[in-house]
Amino acid sequence: MHIPDGYLSPSTCLTLGAVMLPIWYRASAKLKRTLDVTRIPLISMGAVFAFLIMMFNVPIPDGTTAHATGAILLAIVLGPWAAVIAMSVALVIQALVFGDGGILAIGANTFNMAFIAPFIGYAVYRLLSTQAVNGSRRQFFASAIAGYCGLNVAAMAAAIEFGLQPLLFKAADGTPLYCPYGFDVTIPAMMIAHLTVAGVVEGLVTAVALKFIISQSADLIMTSTETAKEGER
């Protein structure tokens, strides 16, 4: 899902980067007020986990890739605002050091994978796991569905960003200046790969990793009560 430079117009990249600024500010402010210092290493470990799992990607036709992200797992374990920070750190390092995702496209990539994916996935998880017992089958089912939904909504956002380019940015002779594919190509290309492979992997990784974490140290999971208190601050 990493968008390379050259596929989105500079104005698209700047717009999505501008959208991310208040999100990063809000996430940082939330963590400063609410984060227990003992959980700081967990955020670092979460960023490393996301970094590693996103390295296993498969190229797909519109110039981007399909892969799991770990974003929904981080949102469930650490809370969605902490997931924003952890995922953003991983994506920035990948872009700057490994060229995985464009530097100009950092705003777009973080919007899709560090904001949409964890928040959508977390909302689905909260909806499906309400009053579920820690370690119950319903909790793991909810986490798997949350991972699947979060990643696919993020993939759809990337497909829309690609598909808008030939509609908005053309040369005088009508030649597309950036991504040349319309929605008829970008949506199938992105969604078939994510609905059938990457989303399933994201769901499985989220459920299996959550089960392992709960079996080893259930107190690491941010409870619904803690999340509610976080939202009030």
Foldseek 3Di string as FASTA:
>chain_A
DFAAPQLFDLVLLVVLLVVCVVLLVVLVVLCVPAPDPVCVVVLQVQLVVQLVQVVPWADFDQGATFTAGSLQLCCQLPNLSSSLVSSLVSLCCCCPPVVRHDPSNSSLVSCLRNHQLNVQLNVQLCVQCPVPDQLDPSNLVSQLVSLLVSNLVSLQSVLQSSQCQLVPAADPVSQGRGRRDHSVPSVCRRNVCSNVPRSNVRSVCSSVVSNVCCVVPVVSGQDPVSNVVSVVD
